Amino acid sequence: MRTDVAPHPTSKQGQSTSVSTRRGFLKLAAGGIGVALAAPGLLQASTLRERYLLFHNPNTGETVRRVYWTPRDGYVNESIGEISWALRDHHNDQVKSFDPSVLDQLYALQLQLGLWKPVNIISGYRSPSTNWMLCERSRGVARNSFHLRAMALDVRLPDGRVSDLYRAARSLGAGGVGYYPNANFVHIDSGPVRYWS
């Protein structure tokens, strides 16, 4: 398991990014009033502490624990790059830099559900060729998927119920949330707010 932490940039740009991303995360957390009521410490934790992700990609066998945002510096580009590599298209190793907003959604889910073990990310970035292949196999795959833009994650709890994950994701009031109980995962993305099952 990777437990290393990237050095933090100290540029003025990083400091201004920190302020804007803090506001963005506040908006994300505040958008789901249920989150604030269910976990009053969530908002404070999301703005005063480092944000890190802990996930396992069963397609590649990689487990990642990385700080990707700090209160002082904002988003840590090196960490976003490493997270993006771990969430690459495993069919062809193509990689695209992930949208920090969807990473914030995953972080908020970890906090809300008290997840201190890795979640499984069963799909991250998809290249156009992979998305086309999946569309040919299943009617449930969107031709213009947010996975193509590195703005979506399909998340599974190894030891939890998918219904709990779905409720938690919806309570954030951010982006798209798809419920796939038969396949035992929840889709989250940083597109417009919408829900489906």
N, C-alpha and C. Protein backbone atom coordinates (compact mmCIF):
# COMPACT_ATOMS: atom_id res chain seq x y z
N MET A 1 0.84 -1.18 0.00
CA MET A 1 0.00 0.00 0.00
C MET A 1 0.88 1.23 0.00
N ARG A 2 0.52 2.19 -0.84
CA ARG A 2 1.26 3.44 -0.87
C ARG A 2 0.78 4.33 0.25
N THR A 3 1.70 4.80 1.05
CA THR A 3 1.33 5.71 2.13
C THR A 3 2.15 6.98 2.09
N ASP A 4 2.82 7.21 0.96
CA ASP A 4 3.66 8.39 0.87
C ASP A 4 2.82 9.63 0.60
N VAL A 5 3.39 10.78 0.91
CA VAL A 5 2.70 12.05 0.73
C VAL A 5 3.59 12.95 -0.09
N ALA A 6 3.02 13.59 -1.10
CA ALA A 6 3.80 14.46 -1.98
C ALA A 6 4.15 15.76 -1.28
N PRO A 7 5.28 16.37 -1.66
CA PRO A 7 5.60 17.69 -1.12
C PRO A 7 4.56 18.69 -1.63
N HIS A 8 4.35 19.76 -0.84
CA HIS A 8 3.32 20.72 -1.16
C HIS A 8 3.92 21.93 -1.85
N PRO A 9 3.30 22.40 -2.96
CA PRO A 9 3.80 23.62 -3.59
C PRO A 9 3.56 24.82 -2.69
N THR A 10 4.40 25.85 -2.84
CA THR A 10 4.28 27.01 -1.96
C THR A 10 4.12 28.31 -2.75
N SER A 11 3.67 28.21 -4.00
CA SER A 11 3.54 29.41 -4.81
C SER A 11 2.32 30.22 -4.41
N LYS A 12 2.30 31.50 -4.82
CA LYS A 12 1.13 32.34 -4.58
C LYS A 12 -0.08 31.77 -5.30
N GLN A 13 0.15 31.16 -6.47
CA GLN A 13 -0.95 30.56 -7.19
C GLN A 13 -1.57 29.45 -6.35
N GLY A 14 -0.75 28.66 -5.68
CA GLY A 14 -1.26 27.61 -4.80
C GLY A 14 -2.09 28.18 -3.67
N GLN A 15 -1.68 29.35 -3.13
CA GLN A 15 -2.43 29.95 -2.04
C GLN A 15 -3.79 30.46 -2.51
N SER A 16 -3.84 31.09 -3.70
CA SER A 16 -5.13 31.56 -4.19
C SER A 16 -6.01 30.38 -4.58
N THR A 17 -5.40 29.32 -5.09
CA THR A 17 -6.16 28.12 -5.40
C THR A 17 -6.78 27.55 -4.14
N SER A 18 -6.04 27.61 -3.02
CA SER A 18 -6.55 27.10 -1.77
C SER A 18 -7.83 27.78 -1.36
N VAL A 19 -7.88 29.11 -1.50
CA VAL A 19 -9.08 29.86 -1.11
C VAL A 19 -10.25 29.47 -2.00
N SER A 20 -10.03 29.43 -3.32
CA SER A 20 -11.13 29.11 -4.22
C SER A 20 -11.59 27.67 -4.06
N THR A 21 -10.66 26.74 -3.84
CA THR A 21 -11.08 25.35 -3.68
C THR A 21 -11.76 25.13 -2.35
N ARG A 22 -11.35 25.86 -1.33
CA ARG A 22 -12.04 25.76 -0.05
C ARG A 22 -13.49 26.18 -0.21
N ARG A 23 -13.70 27.29 -0.94
CA ARG A 23 -15.07 27.75 -1.21
C ARG A 23 -15.83 26.70 -2.00
N GLY A 24 -15.15 26.11 -2.99
CA GLY A 24 -15.81 25.08 -3.79
C GLY A 24 -16.20 23.88 -2.96
N PHE A 25 -15.35 23.49 -2.06
CA PHE A 25 -15.68 22.34 -1.22
C PHE A 25 -16.78 22.69 -0.24
N LEU A 26 -16.75 23.92 0.30
CA LEU A 26 -17.83 24.35 1.18
C LEU A 26 -19.17 24.29 0.45
N LYS A 27 -19.16 24.75 -0.80
CA LYS A 27 -20.38 24.71 -1.60
C LYS A 27 -20.83 23.26 -1.78
N LEU A 28 -19.87 22.38 -2.05
CA LEU A 28 -20.19 20.97 -2.21
C LEU A 28 -20.79 20.40 -0.93
N ALA A 29 -20.14 20.64 0.20
CA ALA A 29 -20.63 20.08 1.46
C ALA A 29 -21.94 20.73 1.88
N ALA A 30 -22.07 22.02 1.66
CA ALA A 30 -23.29 22.71 2.04
C ALA A 30 -24.46 22.34 1.15
N GLY A 31 -24.17 21.91 -0.08
CA GLY A 31 -25.22 21.50 -1.00
C GLY A 31 -26.01 20.33 -0.48
N GLY A 32 -25.41 19.50 0.33
CA GLY A 32 -26.12 18.37 0.92
C GLY A 32 -26.38 18.67 2.38
N ILE A 33 -27.50 19.27 2.68
CA ILE A 33 -27.82 19.67 4.06
C ILE A 33 -27.81 18.46 4.98
N GLY A 34 -28.15 17.29 4.43
CA GLY A 34 -28.14 16.08 5.24
C GLY A 34 -26.76 15.74 5.76
N VAL A 35 -25.75 16.07 4.97
CA VAL A 35 -24.37 15.80 5.41
C VAL A 35 -24.05 16.62 6.64
N ALA A 36 -24.37 17.91 6.58
CA ALA A 36 -24.05 18.79 7.71
C ALA A 36 -24.81 18.36 8.97
N LEU A 37 -26.05 17.92 8.80
CA LEU A 37 -26.83 17.49 9.96
C LEU A 37 -26.34 16.16 10.50
N ALA A 38 -25.99 15.25 9.59
CA ALA A 38 -25.57 13.90 10.01
C ALA A 38 -24.15 13.90 10.57
N ALA A 39 -23.30 14.77 10.06
CA ALA A 39 -21.91 14.79 10.48
C ALA A 39 -21.44 16.23 10.62
N PRO A 40 -21.72 16.88 11.77
CA PRO A 40 -21.37 18.30 11.93
C PRO A 40 -19.89 18.59 11.77
N GLY A 41 -19.03 17.63 12.04
CA GLY A 41 -17.59 17.85 11.91
C GLY A 41 -17.11 17.77 10.48
N LEU A 42 -17.98 17.35 9.55
CA LEU A 42 -17.58 17.18 8.15
C LEU A 42 -17.09 18.49 7.54
N LEU A 43 -17.85 19.55 7.73
CA LEU A 43 -17.49 20.83 7.14
C LEU A 43 -16.15 21.32 7.67
N GLN A 44 -15.97 21.23 8.97
CA GLN A 44 -14.70 21.67 9.56
C GLN A 44 -13.55 20.81 9.06
N ALA A 45 -13.77 19.50 9.02
CA ALA A 45 -12.71 18.60 8.56
C ALA A 45 -12.34 18.88 7.11
N SER A 46 -13.32 19.25 6.31
CA SER A 46 -13.07 19.44 4.89
C SER A 46 -12.32 20.73 4.58
N THR A 47 -12.32 21.70 5.48
CA THR A 47 -11.67 22.98 5.20
C THR A 47 -10.42 23.22 6.03
N LEU A 48 -10.28 22.54 7.15
CA LEU A 48 -9.14 22.80 8.02
C LEU A 48 -8.07 21.72 7.99
N ARG A 49 -8.39 20.57 7.44
CA ARG A 49 -7.43 19.47 7.40
C ARG A 49 -7.03 19.16 5.97
N GLU A 50 -5.92 18.45 5.85
CA GLU A 50 -5.53 17.94 4.54
C GLU A 50 -6.59 16.96 4.05
N ARG A 51 -6.83 16.96 2.77
CA ARG A 51 -7.74 15.99 2.18
C ARG A 51 -6.90 14.89 1.54
N TYR A 52 -7.27 13.66 1.81
CA TYR A 52 -6.57 12.56 1.17
C TYR A 52 -7.58 11.53 0.70
N LEU A 53 -7.16 10.76 -0.27
CA LEU A 53 -7.98 9.67 -0.79
C LEU A 53 -7.30 8.36 -0.48
N LEU A 54 -8.11 7.36 -0.18
CA LEU A 54 -7.62 6.02 0.08
C LEU A 54 -8.50 5.09 -0.75
N PHE A 55 -7.91 4.53 -1.80
CA PHE A 55 -8.70 3.66 -2.67
C PHE A 55 -7.84 2.55 -3.25
N HIS A 56 -8.54 1.53 -3.71
CA HIS A 56 -7.91 0.38 -4.36
C HIS A 56 -8.52 0.24 -5.74
N ASN A 57 -7.70 0.02 -6.74
CA ASN A 57 -8.17 -0.24 -8.09
C ASN A 57 -8.02 -1.73 -8.36
N PRO A 58 -9.11 -2.52 -8.29
CA PRO A 58 -8.99 -3.97 -8.47
C PRO A 58 -8.55 -4.36 -9.88
N ASN A 59 -8.70 -3.45 -10.84
CA ASN A 59 -8.29 -3.76 -12.21
C ASN A 59 -6.78 -3.77 -12.38
N THR A 60 -6.08 -2.97 -11.57
CA THR A 60 -4.62 -2.89 -11.67
C THR A 60 -3.92 -3.46 -10.44
N GLY A 61 -4.69 -3.66 -9.37
CA GLY A 61 -4.10 -4.15 -8.12
C GLY A 61 -3.43 -3.05 -7.30
N GLU A 62 -3.57 -1.78 -7.71
CA GLU A 62 -2.92 -0.68 -7.01
C GLU A 62 -3.80 -0.14 -5.88
N THR A 63 -3.15 0.16 -4.77
CA THR A 63 -3.81 0.83 -3.65
C THR A 63 -3.09 2.15 -3.43
N VAL A 64 -3.85 3.22 -3.30
CA VAL A 64 -3.28 4.56 -3.21
C VAL A 64 -3.83 5.26 -1.98
N ARG A 65 -2.93 5.91 -1.26
CA ARG A 65 -3.30 6.84 -0.19
C ARG A 65 -2.48 8.09 -0.43
N ARG A 66 -3.16 9.17 -0.83
CA ARG A 66 -2.45 10.39 -1.17
C ARG A 66 -3.18 11.62 -0.66
N VAL A 67 -2.44 12.55 -0.07
CA VAL A 67 -2.95 13.88 0.23
C VAL A 67 -2.98 14.62 -1.10
N TYR A 68 -4.15 15.16 -1.47
CA TYR A 68 -4.26 15.85 -2.75
C TYR A 68 -4.63 17.33 -2.59
N TRP A 69 -4.92 17.75 -1.36
CA TRP A 69 -5.28 19.14 -1.08
C TRP A 69 -4.84 19.47 0.34
N THR A 70 -4.29 20.68 0.52
CA THR A 70 -3.93 21.14 1.86
C THR A 70 -4.55 22.52 2.08
N PRO A 71 -4.86 22.86 3.33
CA PRO A 71 -5.45 24.19 3.60
C PRO A 71 -4.54 25.33 3.16
N ARG A 72 -3.26 25.12 3.25
CA ARG A 72 -2.31 26.18 2.91
C ARG A 72 -2.07 26.30 1.41
N ASP A 73 -1.98 25.17 0.72
CA ASP A 73 -1.53 25.17 -0.66
C ASP A 73 -2.60 24.87 -1.70
N GLY A 74 -3.74 24.38 -1.28
CA GLY A 74 -4.76 24.00 -2.25
C GLY A 74 -4.46 22.63 -2.85
N TYR A 75 -4.88 22.44 -4.08
CA TYR A 75 -4.66 21.15 -4.74
C TYR A 75 -3.18 20.93 -5.02
N VAL A 76 -2.72 19.73 -4.78
CA VAL A 76 -1.32 19.36 -4.96
C VAL A 76 -1.21 18.65 -6.32
N ASN A 77 -0.64 19.35 -7.29
CA ASN A 77 -0.61 18.84 -8.65
C ASN A 77 0.06 17.48 -8.79
N GLU A 78 1.15 17.28 -8.08
CA GLU A 78 1.85 16.00 -8.16
C GLU A 78 0.94 14.86 -7.68
N SER A 79 0.21 15.09 -6.62
CA SER A 79 -0.70 14.07 -6.10
C SER A 79 -1.85 13.81 -7.05
N ILE A 80 -2.40 14.88 -7.64
CA ILE A 80 -3.49 14.70 -8.62
C ILE A 80 -2.97 13.87 -9.78
N GLY A 81 -1.73 14.10 -10.18
CA GLY A 81 -1.13 13.31 -11.26
C GLY A 81 -1.02 11.84 -10.90
N GLU A 82 -0.58 11.55 -9.68
CA GLU A 82 -0.45 10.15 -9.25
C GLU A 82 -1.81 9.48 -9.09
N ILE A 83 -2.77 10.22 -8.57
CA ILE A 83 -4.13 9.68 -8.45
C ILE A 83 -4.69 9.41 -9.85
N SER A 84 -4.47 10.34 -10.77
CA SER A 84 -4.95 10.16 -12.14
C SER A 84 -4.32 8.93 -12.79
N TRP A 85 -3.04 8.70 -12.54
CA TRP A 85 -2.39 7.51 -13.09
C TRP A 85 -3.04 6.25 -12.53
N ALA A 86 -3.32 6.24 -11.24
CA ALA A 86 -3.94 5.06 -10.62
C ALA A 86 -5.37 4.84 -11.12
N LEU A 87 -6.01 5.91 -11.62
CA LEU A 87 -7.38 5.81 -12.14
C LEU A 87 -7.41 5.77 -13.67
N ARG A 88 -6.28 5.44 -14.27
CA ARG A 88 -6.16 5.41 -15.74
C ARG A 88 -7.06 4.34 -16.35
N ASP A 89 -7.19 4.40 -17.65
CA ASP A 89 -7.90 3.37 -18.40
C ASP A 89 -7.02 2.12 -18.38
N HIS A 90 -7.43 1.11 -17.64
CA HIS A 90 -6.59 -0.07 -17.47
C HIS A 90 -6.53 -0.94 -18.72
N HIS A 91 -7.38 -0.67 -19.69
CA HIS A 91 -7.35 -1.45 -20.93
C HIS A 91 -6.16 -1.06 -21.82
N ASN A 92 -5.72 0.20 -21.72
CA ASN A 92 -4.65 0.66 -22.61
C ASN A 92 -3.66 1.61 -21.93
N ASP A 93 -3.78 1.78 -20.62
CA ASP A 93 -2.90 2.65 -19.83
C ASP A 93 -2.94 4.13 -20.24
N GLN A 94 -3.99 4.55 -20.92
CA GLN A 94 -4.14 5.98 -21.20
C GLN A 94 -4.59 6.69 -19.92
N VAL A 95 -4.08 7.89 -19.74
CA VAL A 95 -4.35 8.63 -18.51
C VAL A 95 -4.80 10.06 -18.85
N LYS A 96 -5.65 10.60 -18.02
CA LYS A 96 -6.08 11.99 -18.16
C LYS A 96 -6.18 12.56 -16.75
N SER A 97 -5.80 13.81 -16.58
CA SER A 97 -5.82 14.43 -15.26
C SER A 97 -7.25 14.54 -14.75
N PHE A 98 -7.47 14.06 -13.53
CA PHE A 98 -8.81 14.01 -12.96
C PHE A 98 -9.28 15.37 -12.48
N ASP A 99 -10.58 15.60 -12.64
CA ASP A 99 -11.23 16.80 -12.15
C ASP A 99 -11.22 16.76 -10.62
N PRO A 100 -10.63 17.76 -9.96
CA PRO A 100 -10.59 17.75 -8.50
C PRO A 100 -11.98 17.71 -7.85
N SER A 101 -13.00 18.20 -8.53
CA SER A 101 -14.34 18.20 -7.94
C SER A 101 -14.84 16.80 -7.65
N VAL A 102 -14.58 15.85 -8.55
CA VAL A 102 -15.03 14.48 -8.30
C VAL A 102 -14.17 13.83 -7.20
N LEU A 103 -12.91 14.24 -7.11
CA LEU A 103 -12.07 13.75 -6.01
C LEU A 103 -12.59 14.27 -4.68
N ASP A 104 -13.06 15.53 -4.67
CA ASP A 104 -13.66 16.09 -3.45
C ASP A 104 -14.93 15.32 -3.07
N GLN A 105 -15.71 14.91 -4.06
CA GLN A 105 -16.90 14.12 -3.76
C GLN A 105 -16.52 12.80 -3.10
N LEU A 106 -15.50 12.15 -3.63
CA LEU A 106 -15.05 10.88 -3.05
C LEU A 106 -14.55 11.11 -1.63
N TYR A 107 -13.79 12.18 -1.42
CA TYR A 107 -13.30 12.50 -0.08
C TYR A 107 -14.46 12.75 0.88
N ALA A 108 -15.47 13.50 0.43
CA ALA A 108 -16.64 13.77 1.28
C ALA A 108 -17.36 12.47 1.64
N LEU A 109 -17.43 11.54 0.70
CA LEU A 109 -18.05 10.23 1.00
C LEU A 109 -17.24 9.48 2.05
N GLN A 110 -15.91 9.51 1.92
CA GLN A 110 -15.06 8.84 2.91
C GLN A 110 -15.32 9.41 4.30
N LEU A 111 -15.40 10.74 4.40
CA LEU A 111 -15.64 11.37 5.70
C LEU A 111 -17.02 11.01 6.23
N GLN A 112 -18.02 11.15 5.39
CA GLN A 112 -19.39 10.95 5.84
C GLN A 112 -19.62 9.52 6.30
N LEU A 113 -19.06 8.55 5.59
CA LEU A 113 -19.28 7.15 5.94
C LEU A 113 -18.24 6.63 6.93
N GLY A 114 -17.28 7.46 7.31
CA GLY A 114 -16.25 7.02 8.24
C GLY A 114 -15.40 5.90 7.66
N LEU A 115 -15.04 6.02 6.39
CA LEU A 115 -14.29 4.97 5.72
C LEU A 115 -12.80 5.17 5.94
N TRP A 116 -12.20 4.25 6.63
CA TRP A 116 -10.76 4.32 6.88
C TRP A 116 -10.04 3.16 6.23
N LYS A 117 -10.80 2.38 5.45
CA LYS A 117 -10.22 1.32 4.62
C LYS A 117 -10.43 1.72 3.18
N PRO A 118 -9.63 1.21 2.26
CA PRO A 118 -9.77 1.63 0.87
C PRO A 118 -11.13 1.25 0.27
N VAL A 119 -11.72 2.20 -0.47
CA VAL A 119 -12.87 1.87 -1.30
C VAL A 119 -12.32 1.31 -2.61
N ASN A 120 -13.13 0.57 -3.32
CA ASN A 120 -12.72 0.07 -4.63
C ASN A 120 -13.22 1.03 -5.71
N ILE A 121 -12.33 1.46 -6.57
CA ILE A 121 -12.71 2.25 -7.74
C ILE A 121 -12.65 1.29 -8.92
N ILE A 122 -13.81 0.90 -9.39
CA ILE A 122 -13.84 -0.12 -10.45
C ILE A 122 -13.79 0.49 -11.85
N SER A 123 -14.02 1.81 -11.94
CA SER A 123 -13.84 2.49 -13.22
C SER A 123 -13.54 3.95 -12.95
N GLY A 124 -12.48 4.44 -13.56
CA GLY A 124 -12.10 5.85 -13.48
C GLY A 124 -12.15 6.44 -14.88
N TYR A 125 -10.99 6.84 -15.38
CA TYR A 125 -10.93 7.39 -16.74
C TYR A 125 -11.16 6.28 -17.76
N ARG A 126 -11.90 6.63 -18.82
CA ARG A 126 -12.07 5.74 -19.97
C ARG A 126 -11.67 6.48 -21.23
N SER A 127 -10.80 5.87 -22.00
CA SER A 127 -10.44 6.44 -23.30
C SER A 127 -11.63 6.27 -24.25
N PRO A 128 -11.67 7.05 -25.33
CA PRO A 128 -12.77 6.90 -26.29
C PRO A 128 -12.91 5.47 -26.82
N SER A 129 -11.79 4.80 -27.08
CA SER A 129 -11.88 3.43 -27.62
C SER A 129 -12.48 2.47 -26.59
N THR A 130 -12.11 2.62 -25.33
CA THR A 130 -12.67 1.76 -24.29
C THR A 130 -14.15 2.05 -24.08
N ASN A 131 -14.51 3.33 -24.07
CA ASN A 131 -15.92 3.68 -23.88
C ASN A 131 -16.77 3.12 -25.03
N TRP A 132 -16.25 3.21 -26.24
CA TRP A 132 -16.97 2.68 -27.40
C TRP A 132 -17.16 1.17 -27.26
N MET A 133 -16.11 0.47 -26.84
CA MET A 133 -16.19 -0.98 -26.65
C MET A 133 -17.26 -1.31 -25.61
N LEU A 134 -17.29 -0.57 -24.50
CA LEU A 134 -18.27 -0.82 -23.45
C LEU A 134 -19.69 -0.49 -23.91
N CYS A 135 -19.83 0.56 -24.73
CA CYS A 135 -21.14 0.90 -25.28
C CYS A 135 -21.68 -0.22 -26.16
N GLU A 136 -20.79 -0.85 -26.90
CA GLU A 136 -21.19 -1.96 -27.77
C GLU A 136 -21.66 -3.16 -26.96
N ARG A 137 -21.12 -3.33 -25.76
CA ARG A 137 -21.46 -4.48 -24.92
C ARG A 137 -22.70 -4.25 -24.07
N SER A 138 -22.97 -2.99 -23.70
CA SER A 138 -24.04 -2.72 -22.75
C SER A 138 -24.79 -1.44 -23.10
N ARG A 139 -26.11 -1.50 -23.02
CA ARG A 139 -26.92 -0.30 -23.25
C ARG A 139 -26.78 0.70 -22.11
N GLY A 140 -26.28 0.27 -20.96
CA GLY A 140 -26.18 1.14 -19.79
C GLY A 140 -24.97 2.07 -19.79
N VAL A 141 -24.13 2.00 -20.81
CA VAL A 141 -22.93 2.84 -20.88
C VAL A 141 -23.23 4.05 -21.76
N ALA A 142 -23.03 5.25 -21.22
CA ALA A 142 -23.31 6.48 -21.96
C ALA A 142 -22.23 6.74 -23.01
N ARG A 143 -22.66 7.12 -24.20
CA ARG A 143 -21.69 7.41 -25.28
C ARG A 143 -20.86 8.65 -24.97
N ASN A 144 -21.44 9.59 -24.23
CA ASN A 144 -20.73 10.81 -23.86
C ASN A 144 -20.48 10.81 -22.34
N SER A 145 -19.99 9.71 -21.84
CA SER A 145 -19.80 9.50 -20.40
C SER A 145 -18.82 10.52 -19.80
N PHE A 146 -19.09 10.91 -18.57
CA PHE A 146 -18.15 11.76 -17.85
C PHE A 146 -16.84 11.03 -17.55
N HIS A 147 -16.82 9.71 -17.68
CA HIS A 147 -15.57 8.96 -17.55
C HIS A 147 -14.58 9.39 -18.64
N LEU A 148 -15.08 9.76 -19.81
CA LEU A 148 -14.22 10.20 -20.92
C LEU A 148 -13.48 11.49 -20.58
N ARG A 149 -14.02 12.28 -19.66
CA ARG A 149 -13.42 13.56 -19.29
C ARG A 149 -12.70 13.50 -17.95
N ALA A 150 -12.54 12.29 -17.41
CA ALA A 150 -11.91 12.11 -16.08
C ALA A 150 -12.67 12.91 -15.03
N MET A 151 -14.01 12.82 -15.11
CA MET A 151 -14.88 13.52 -14.17
C MET A 151 -15.83 12.54 -13.48
N ALA A 152 -15.54 11.23 -13.54
CA ALA A 152 -16.46 10.24 -12.99
C ALA A 152 -15.70 9.07 -12.38
N LEU A 153 -16.31 8.48 -11.36
CA LEU A 153 -15.77 7.30 -10.68
C LEU A 153 -16.90 6.33 -10.40
N ASP A 154 -16.63 5.06 -10.58
CA ASP A 154 -17.55 4.01 -10.15
C ASP A 154 -16.96 3.39 -8.89
N VAL A 155 -17.71 3.50 -7.78
CA VAL A 155 -17.19 3.20 -6.45
C VAL A 155 -17.93 2.00 -5.85
N ARG A 156 -17.17 1.14 -5.21
CA ARG A 156 -17.73 -0.02 -4.51
C ARG A 156 -17.13 -0.07 -3.11
N LEU A 157 -17.98 -0.39 -2.14
CA LEU A 157 -17.50 -0.60 -0.76
C LEU A 157 -17.25 -2.08 -0.57
N PRO A 158 -16.02 -2.49 -0.30
CA PRO A 158 -15.74 -3.91 -0.14
C PRO A 158 -16.53 -4.55 1.00
N ASP A 159 -16.75 -3.81 2.09
CA ASP A 159 -17.42 -4.38 3.26
C ASP A 159 -18.73 -3.68 3.59
N GLY A 160 -19.27 -2.92 2.66
CA GLY A 160 -20.48 -2.15 2.97
C GLY A 160 -21.58 -2.38 1.97
N ARG A 161 -22.73 -1.82 2.31
CA ARG A 161 -23.89 -1.96 1.44
C ARG A 161 -23.90 -0.84 0.40
N VAL A 162 -24.20 -1.21 -0.82
CA VAL A 162 -24.24 -0.23 -1.90
C VAL A 162 -25.35 0.79 -1.66
N SER A 163 -26.42 0.39 -0.98
CA SER A 163 -27.51 1.33 -0.70
C SER A 163 -27.04 2.45 0.24
N ASP A 164 -26.18 2.13 1.20
CA ASP A 164 -25.63 3.17 2.10
C ASP A 164 -24.77 4.15 1.32
N LEU A 165 -23.96 3.63 0.42
CA LEU A 165 -23.10 4.47 -0.41
C LEU A 165 -23.94 5.39 -1.30
N TYR A 166 -25.00 4.84 -1.86
CA TYR A 166 -25.89 5.63 -2.72
C TYR A 166 -26.56 6.76 -1.94
N ARG A 167 -27.09 6.46 -0.78
CA ARG A 167 -27.72 7.50 0.04
C ARG A 167 -26.72 8.60 0.42
N ALA A 168 -25.52 8.19 0.78
CA ALA A 168 -24.49 9.17 1.15
C ALA A 168 -24.12 10.04 -0.05
N ALA A 169 -23.97 9.44 -1.21
CA ALA A 169 -23.61 10.20 -2.41
C ALA A 169 -24.71 11.19 -2.78
N ARG A 170 -25.96 10.77 -2.69
CA ARG A 170 -27.08 11.67 -2.99
C ARG A 170 -27.14 12.83 -2.01
N SER A 171 -26.84 12.55 -0.74
CA SER A 171 -26.96 13.60 0.28
C SER A 171 -25.97 14.73 0.06
N LEU A 172 -24.91 14.50 -0.72
CA LEU A 172 -23.95 15.56 -1.00
C LEU A 172 -24.56 16.64 -1.88
N GLY A 173 -25.56 16.28 -2.67
CA GLY A 173 -26.19 17.25 -3.56
C GLY A 173 -25.24 17.80 -4.60
N ALA A 174 -24.30 16.97 -5.05
CA ALA A 174 -23.28 17.43 -6.00
C ALA A 174 -23.13 16.42 -7.12
N GLY A 175 -23.18 16.88 -8.35
CA GLY A 175 -22.91 16.03 -9.50
C GLY A 175 -23.93 14.93 -9.72
N GLY A 176 -23.56 14.01 -10.59
CA GLY A 176 -24.42 12.89 -10.91
C GLY A 176 -24.16 11.71 -10.00
N VAL A 177 -25.24 11.00 -9.65
CA VAL A 177 -25.13 9.80 -8.82
C VAL A 177 -25.98 8.71 -9.46
N GLY A 178 -25.35 7.63 -9.84
CA GLY A 178 -26.06 6.49 -10.42
C GLY A 178 -25.99 5.30 -9.48
N TYR A 179 -27.10 4.62 -9.34
CA TYR A 179 -27.23 3.49 -8.41
C TYR A 179 -27.32 2.20 -9.21
N TYR A 180 -26.35 1.30 -9.01
CA TYR A 180 -26.28 0.03 -9.72
C TYR A 180 -26.21 -1.11 -8.71
N PRO A 181 -27.33 -1.41 -8.04
CA PRO A 181 -27.29 -2.42 -6.97
C PRO A 181 -26.94 -3.83 -7.47
N ASN A 182 -27.37 -4.18 -8.68
CA ASN A 182 -27.07 -5.53 -9.19
C ASN A 182 -25.58 -5.71 -9.47
N ALA A 183 -24.92 -4.63 -9.84
CA ALA A 183 -23.47 -4.69 -10.08
C ALA A 183 -22.69 -4.26 -8.84
N ASN A 184 -23.39 -3.84 -7.78
CA ASN A 184 -22.79 -3.50 -6.50
C ASN A 184 -21.82 -2.31 -6.58
N PHE A 185 -22.26 -1.23 -7.27
CA PHE A 185 -21.43 -0.02 -7.26
C PHE A 185 -22.32 1.21 -7.43
N VAL A 186 -21.73 2.36 -7.11
CA VAL A 186 -22.37 3.66 -7.30
C VAL A 186 -21.46 4.50 -8.19
N HIS A 187 -22.06 5.15 -9.16
CA HIS A 187 -21.35 6.07 -10.05
C HIS A 187 -21.48 7.47 -9.45
N ILE A 188 -20.37 8.20 -9.38
CA ILE A 188 -20.40 9.62 -9.02
C ILE A 188 -19.67 10.40 -10.10
N ASP A 189 -20.14 11.60 -10.38
CA ASP A 189 -19.43 12.45 -11.33
C ASP A 189 -19.62 13.91 -10.95
N SER A 190 -18.80 14.76 -11.55
CA SER A 190 -18.83 16.19 -11.24
C SER A 190 -19.60 16.98 -12.29
N GLY A 191 -20.50 16.32 -12.99
CA GLY A 191 -21.37 17.00 -13.94
C GLY A 191 -22.54 17.64 -13.21
N PRO A 192 -23.63 17.94 -13.95
CA PRO A 192 -24.82 18.53 -13.31
C PRO A 192 -25.43 17.58 -12.29
N VAL A 193 -26.13 18.12 -11.31
CA VAL A 193 -26.78 17.30 -10.28
C VAL A 193 -27.93 16.53 -10.92
N ARG A 194 -27.90 15.20 -10.80
CA ARG A 194 -28.95 14.33 -11.31
C ARG A 194 -28.76 12.96 -10.68
N TYR A 195 -29.83 12.17 -10.67
CA TYR A 195 -29.81 10.84 -10.05
C TYR A 195 -30.49 9.85 -10.96
N TRP A 196 -29.99 8.62 -10.95
CA TRP A 196 -30.63 7.56 -11.73
C TRP A 196 -30.29 6.21 -11.11
N SER A 197 -31.09 5.22 -11.51
CA SER A 197 -30.82 3.84 -11.07
C SER A 197 -31.26 2.87 -12.14
